[in-house]
Protein backbone atom coordinates (compact mmCIF):
# COMPACT_ATOMS: atom_id res chain seq x y z
CA TRP A 1 -10.28 17.96 -1.38
CA VAL A 2 -8.06 15.51 -0.88
CA CYS A 3 -4.66 13.91 -1.74
CA PRO A 4 -1.60 12.50 -1.26
CA GLY A 5 2.25 13.14 -1.48
CA THR A 6 2.03 11.80 -5.51
CA GLY A 7 -1.34 12.56 -7.33
CA SER A 8 -3.26 15.33 -7.08
CA THR A 9 -1.02 17.90 -5.69
CA ALA A 10 -0.74 20.64 -8.18
CA ALA A 11 -4.42 20.63 -8.42
CA MET A 12 -3.85 20.63 -4.58
CA ALA A 13 -1.77 23.80 -4.84
CA ALA A 14 -3.66 25.70 -7.35
CA ALA A 15 -6.72 25.16 -4.64
CA GLY A 16 -4.68 27.29 -2.04
CA GLY A 17 -2.85 24.03 -0.67
CA ARG A 18 0.61 23.32 -0.40
CA ARG A 19 3.36 21.14 -2.42
CA MET A 20 3.94 17.42 -0.84
CA GLU A 21 6.64 15.12 -0.42
CA ALA A 22 6.38 12.51 -2.60
CA ARG A 23 7.43 10.06 -0.70
CA SER A 24 4.61 10.76 1.87
CA SER A 25 2.45 8.74 3.42
CA ASP A 26 0.37 11.50 5.11
CA LEU A 27 -3.33 12.79 3.04
CA GLN A 28 -3.73 16.65 2.59
CA TYR A 29 -6.59 17.56 3.00
CA LEU A 30 -8.76 21.80 1.61
CA ILE A 31 -12.22 22.62 2.58
CA ARG A 32 -13.74 24.79 0.02
CA GLU A 33 -16.95 24.83 1.11
CA HIS A 34 -18.21 24.95 4.24
CA MET A 35 -21.90 23.24 5.12
CA ILE A 36 -21.24 24.34 9.14
CA GLU A 37 -24.07 26.19 10.80
CA LYS A 38 -22.65 29.03 12.90
CA ALA A 39 -23.59 29.54 16.41
CA GLY A 40 -23.46 33.66 16.26
CA SER A 41 -21.52 35.63 13.76
CA GLY A 42 -18.74 37.16 15.55
CA THR A 43 -15.58 36.94 14.18
CA ASP A 44 -14.43 33.98 16.88
CA ASP A 45 -16.50 31.99 15.08
CA GLU A 46 -15.83 32.60 11.44
CA GLU A 47 -11.66 32.31 12.74
CA GLU A 48 -12.90 28.51 14.59
CA LEU A 49 -14.16 27.76 11.30
CA HIS A 50 -11.19 28.34 9.16
CA LYS A 51 -8.53 26.73 11.51
CA VAL A 52 -10.17 23.27 9.75
CA ASP A 53 -10.15 24.58 6.43
CA GLN A 54 -6.79 22.22 5.93
CA GLY A 55 -4.16 20.01 7.12
CA MET A 56 -2.48 16.22 6.80
CA LEU A 57 -4.03 13.26 8.07
CA THR A 58 -1.06 11.36 9.22
CA SER A 59 -1.26 7.80 10.96
CA GLY A 60 -4.06 6.37 12.64
CA GLU A 61 -5.51 9.60 12.06
CA GLN A 62 -9.49 10.25 10.16
CA LEU A 63 -11.49 12.74 8.62
CA HIS A 64 -14.93 12.39 9.12
CA LEU A 65 -17.55 14.26 6.57
CA ARG A 66 -21.51 13.91 6.46
CA TRP A 67 -23.01 15.41 3.75
CA ASN A 68 -25.45 17.59 4.60
CA SER A 69 -27.83 18.10 0.77
CA GLN A 70 -30.17 15.60 -0.51
CA LYS A 71 -27.79 14.24 -3.38
CA GLY A 72 -24.37 14.20 -4.63
CA ARG A 73 -21.43 11.91 -6.08
CA ILE A 74 -17.88 11.66 -4.00
CA PHE A 75 -15.23 11.90 -7.02
CA ILE A 76 -11.87 9.02 -6.28
CA ASP A 77 -9.34 9.89 -8.71
CA GLY A 78 -11.17 12.70 -10.52
CA GLY A 79 -13.21 11.29 -12.71
CA HIS A 80 -11.75 7.85 -12.36
CA LEU A 81 -14.70 6.88 -9.59
CA SER A 82 -17.62 8.00 -7.97
CA GLN A 83 -20.26 7.11 -4.85
CA ASN A 84 -24.02 8.84 -4.75
CA LEU A 85 -23.86 10.64 -1.98
CA GLU A 86 -27.45 10.88 0.27
CA LEU A 87 -28.76 13.04 2.84
CA GLY A 88 -27.03 12.20 6.53
CA ASP A 89 -24.02 9.47 4.03
CA GLU A 90 -20.82 9.62 6.35
CA VAL A 91 -17.64 9.54 4.67
CA LEU A 92 -14.64 8.23 6.70
CA ILE A 93 -11.21 8.72 4.30
CA ASN A 94 -7.44 7.84 6.44
CA ASN A 95 -4.17 7.50 4.95
CA ARG A 96 -3.97 2.92 6.15
CA ALA A 97 -4.48 2.08 1.70
CA PRO A 98 -1.80 0.25 0.69
CA PRO A 99 1.24 1.88 -0.02
CA LEU A 100 2.04 3.18 -3.36
CA HIS A 101 5.72 2.34 -4.64
CA VAL A 102 6.67 5.48 -6.97
CA PHE A 103 10.36 5.31 -8.94
CA LEU A 104 11.58 9.11 -9.17
CA ARG A 105 15.00 10.00 -11.36
CA GLU A 106 17.40 11.41 -9.20
CA SER A 107 18.01 14.74 -10.23
């Protein structure tokens, strides 16, 4: 899962992520299912794996994903936009898109 400060933050929080400020330009990611082969079966390997479970992408950072299944699909903005994926496809996610202007009420 990947989300900005606005948008799918409720879904991210329900999946175990953190609430973000609406004005944040960071992207939050949460890996739900790992497809990484572990070298061993010790606790250290599991701890290393879970260090990348979730985090924030700040300006200039990107998340590089490699699709390891025969076929699949990536969904953008819920079900509004999708792209088919095949074994070996790579996806780069960053926050270089133009900013979304949000008008908030003062409380």
